[in-house]
Protein backbone atom coordinates (compact mmCIF):
# COMPACT_ATOMS: atom_id res chain seq x y z
CA MET A 1 0.00 0.00 0.00
CA GLY A 2 3.05 2.25 -0.06
CA LEU A 3 2.98 2.88 3.68
CA THR A 4 6.13 3.21 5.72
CA GLN A 5 6.53 1.51 9.08
CA SER A 6 6.25 4.96 10.64
CA HIS A 7 2.87 5.58 8.94
CA VAL A 8 1.55 2.21 10.11
CA ALA A 9 2.90 2.73 13.64
CA SER A 10 1.30 6.18 13.85
CA ALA A 11 -2.08 4.86 12.67
CA ILE A 12 -2.02 1.99 15.17
CA GLY A 13 -0.55 3.99 18.03
CA THR A 14 2.65 2.01 18.49
CA SER A 15 6.33 2.39 17.69
CA ARG A 16 8.00 1.94 14.31
CA SER A 17 10.36 -0.60 15.86
CA ARG A 18 7.41 -2.75 17.00
CA ILE A 19 6.05 -2.72 13.44
CA GLY A 20 9.46 -3.85 12.20
CA ARG A 21 9.60 -6.67 14.78
CA ILE A 22 6.07 -7.79 13.78
CA GLU A 23 7.00 -7.82 10.08
CA GLN A 24 10.13 -9.86 10.82
CA ALA A 25 8.18 -12.30 13.05
CA LYS A 26 10.34 -11.39 16.02
CA ILE A 27 7.35 -10.81 18.30
CA ARG A 28 5.82 -14.10 19.39
CA ARG A 29 2.57 -12.72 20.80
CA ALA A 30 0.18 -9.99 19.84
CA SER A 31 -3.43 -9.49 20.88
CA VAL A 32 -6.22 -10.20 18.42
CA GLU A 33 -7.28 -6.57 18.75
CA TYR A 34 -3.76 -5.41 17.78
CA LEU A 35 -3.61 -7.76 14.79
CA ILE A 36 -7.01 -6.57 13.54
CA ARG A 37 -5.97 -2.92 13.82
CA HIS A 38 -2.62 -3.60 12.11
CA GLY A 39 -4.32 -5.51 9.31
CA ALA A 40 -6.95 -2.81 8.80
CA VAL A 41 -4.29 -0.11 8.46
CA VAL A 42 -2.54 -2.04 5.67
CA GLY A 43 -5.79 -2.98 3.92
CA LEU A 44 -6.34 -6.50 5.25
CA ARG A 45 -9.36 -8.09 6.88
CA GLY A 46 -8.79 -10.72 9.57
CA SER A 47 -10.40 -14.13 9.47
CA PHE A 48 -10.23 -16.78 12.17
CA LYS A 49 -11.28 -20.41 12.11
CA TYR A 50 -11.33 -23.00 14.84
CA TYR A 51 -10.63 -26.67 14.15
CA PRO A 52 -11.09 -29.53 16.59
CA VAL A 53 -7.89 -31.23 17.68
CA GLY A 54 -7.19 -34.07 20.02
CA GLY A 55 -9.00 -37.32 20.63
CA ALA A 56 -12.19 -36.24 22.38
CA ILE A 57 -15.54 -36.90 20.72
CA ARG A 58 -17.01 -33.46 20.30
CA ASP A 59 -20.21 -34.46 18.60
CA ALA A 60 -21.67 -37.71 19.89
CA ALA A 61 -24.70 -37.30 17.62
CA GLN A 62 -22.45 -37.08 14.57
CA ALA A 63 -20.63 -40.25 15.68
CA ARG A 64 -24.00 -42.05 15.93
CA TYR A 65 -24.97 -40.99 12.39
CA ILE A 66 -21.61 -42.13 11.05
CA ALA A 67 -22.19 -45.52 12.68
CA ARG A 68 -25.74 -45.75 11.25
CA PHE A 69 -24.50 -44.83 7.79
CA LEU A 70 -21.74 -47.45 7.91
CA GLU A 71 -24.21 -50.10 9.13
CA ARG A 72 -26.50 -49.32 6.20
CA ILE A 73 -23.80 -49.66 3.54
CA GLY A 74 -22.33 -52.87 4.92
CA HIS A 75 -18.79 -54.01 4.22
CA SER A 76 -18.46 -53.36 0.49
CA TRP A 77 -16.10 -50.41 0.99
CA GLN A 78 -12.83 -49.79 2.74
CA VAL A 79 -13.64 -47.11 5.32
CA LYS A 80 -11.35 -44.41 6.64
CA LEU A 81 -12.53 -41.97 9.29
CA GLU A 82 -11.47 -38.34 9.70
CA VAL A 83 -9.31 -38.22 6.57
CA PRO A 84 -7.26 -35.01 6.65
CA VAL A 85 -7.01 -32.68 3.69
CA PRO A 86 -3.44 -33.17 2.37
CA ILE A 87 -2.49 -29.49 2.34
CA PRO A 88 0.25 -28.47 4.79
CA GLY A 89 -1.23 -26.51 7.67
CA ASP A 90 -4.83 -27.26 6.65
CA LEU A 91 -6.67 -28.82 9.60
CA ARG A 92 -9.84 -29.77 7.68
CA ALA A 93 -10.82 -33.41 7.40
CA VAL A 94 -13.66 -35.30 5.78
CA ASP A 95 -15.74 -37.39 8.20
CA VAL A 96 -15.58 -40.63 6.19
CA MET A 97 -13.77 -41.70 3.03
CA LEU A 98 -15.08 -44.76 1.19
CA LEU A 99 -12.55 -46.55 -1.01
CA ARG A 100 -13.16 -49.33 -3.54
CA ALA A 101 -11.70 -50.24 -6.92
CA GLY A 102 -9.97 -46.90 -7.35
CA ARG A 103 -13.10 -44.94 -6.33
CA ARG A 104 -12.94 -42.35 -3.57
CA ILE A 105 -16.18 -41.15 -2.03
CA ALA A 106 -16.02 -38.37 0.56
CA VAL A 107 -18.80 -38.47 3.15
CA GLU A 108 -19.70 -35.50 5.33
CA VAL A 109 -22.18 -35.94 8.17
CA ILE A 110 -24.26 -32.93 9.22
CA THR A 111 -26.48 -33.23 12.26
CA ARG A 112 -27.93 -29.72 12.02
CA LEU A 113 -28.38 -27.67 8.87
CA ARG A 114 -27.57 -24.07 9.69
CA ASP A 115 -26.49 -22.48 6.41
CA LEU A 116 -27.08 -25.07 3.71
CA GLN A 117 -25.14 -23.21 1.01
CA ALA A 118 -22.10 -22.70 3.23
CA GLN A 119 -22.17 -26.29 4.48
CA ILE A 120 -22.39 -27.66 0.92
CA ARG A 121 -19.60 -25.34 -0.26
CA ALA A 122 -17.32 -26.42 2.61
CA ALA A 123 -17.98 -30.10 1.83
CA GLN A 124 -17.37 -29.56 -1.90
CA LEU A 125 -14.06 -27.83 -1.19
CA LYS A 126 -12.97 -30.82 0.93
CA GLN A 127 -14.03 -33.14 -1.91
CA ARG A 128 -11.95 -31.14 -4.36
CA ASP A 129 -8.91 -30.89 -2.08
CA LEU A 130 -9.01 -34.61 -1.30
CA GLY A 131 -9.44 -35.58 -4.96
CA ALA A 132 -12.62 -37.53 -4.18
CA ASP A 133 -14.73 -38.74 -7.10
CA ARG A 134 -18.01 -38.26 -5.25
CA LEU A 135 -19.43 -36.38 -2.30
CA ILE A 136 -22.16 -37.79 -0.12
CA ILE A 137 -23.68 -35.55 2.52
CA VAL A 138 -25.46 -37.46 5.28
CA ILE A 139 -28.10 -35.37 7.05
CA ALA A 140 -29.77 -36.17 10.36
CA GLY A 141 -33.46 -36.81 9.69
CA THR A 142 -34.78 -34.17 12.07
CA HIS A 143 -37.92 -32.15 11.39
CA ALA A 144 -35.90 -28.94 10.98
CA ASN A 145 -33.40 -30.57 8.60
CA ARG A 146 -36.18 -32.13 6.50
CA ALA A 147 -37.90 -28.75 6.24
CA ALA A 148 -34.64 -27.10 5.12
CA MET A 149 -34.09 -29.83 2.53
CA ALA A 150 -37.66 -29.53 1.25
CA GLY A 151 -37.23 -25.79 0.81
CA ALA A 152 -34.06 -26.29 -1.24
CA ARG A 153 -35.12 -29.46 -3.10
CA THR A 154 -35.39 -27.93 -6.58
CA THR A 155 -32.00 -26.26 -6.29
CA LEU A 156 -30.35 -29.36 -4.84
CA LEU A 157 -31.69 -31.65 -7.59
CA ALA A 158 -29.52 -29.83 -10.14
CA THR A 159 -26.36 -31.09 -8.43
CA PHE A 160 -27.29 -33.89 -6.02
CA GLU A 161 -29.12 -37.20 -6.04
CA LEU A 162 -31.71 -36.97 -3.26
CA ASP A 163 -33.09 -40.53 -3.27
CA THR A 164 -31.72 -41.90 0.02
CA ARG A 165 -32.87 -45.48 -0.63
CA ARG A 166 -31.31 -45.65 -4.09
CA VAL A 167 -27.98 -44.20 -2.93
CA LEU A 168 -27.78 -46.50 0.11
CA ALA A 169 -28.66 -49.53 -2.04
CA ALA A 170 -25.93 -48.66 -4.55
CA LEU A 171 -23.34 -48.21 -1.80
CA ALA A 172 -24.41 -51.44 -0.09
CA ASN A 173 -23.81 -53.23 -3.42
CA GLY A 174 -20.36 -51.67 -3.65
CA ASP A 175 -21.47 -49.43 -6.52
CA ASP A 176 -20.80 -45.77 -7.16
CA PRO A 177 -24.15 -43.94 -6.84
CA GLY A 178 -23.31 -42.04 -10.05
CA ARG A 179 -23.77 -38.53 -8.64
CA ASP A 180 -22.94 -36.50 -5.59
CA SER A 181 -25.76 -37.28 -3.16
CA PHE A 182 -27.67 -36.37 -0.05
CA ILE A 183 -28.78 -39.09 2.34
CA VAL A 184 -31.28 -38.40 5.11
CA LEU A 185 -30.98 -40.82 8.04
CA ASP A 186 -33.31 -41.18 11.01
């Protein structure tokens, strides 16, 4: 932006030397408030994401739906859980990866639809970054989720197979369902 360290320091209310130390990564800690102000002065907007780490089960309901899904498809597929996106520093992971005869199907399990477009987009980005051939989104069969799906049905049909029985039958037979799909499980 053509700003000097002195201009940035003056706008933030700090010293030029502190700006230099920040730019050279010589300061190990800075408050979120400071980083937001610094970024705003140089034309940047901050963005923060949280990712689960460690071994604790953070969503028992999601674990139950994963188990139900795997019971329904049987043993036709090699199953891998929590498959990380292979990008250094990227902490995203797909809930389930199904593998068979060179096919890779990414499965995301959503217990509560909040922002359907954002949740689909996030799942599709994981599919892309993992190189998966297909994406299956498993949705908890709650009243609220069914209502959200019904409201978006026409839009979803353009991209996704919505016939839960057909998709589960194909997977149980070890077959590719042929399209990215939604499955609603009770």
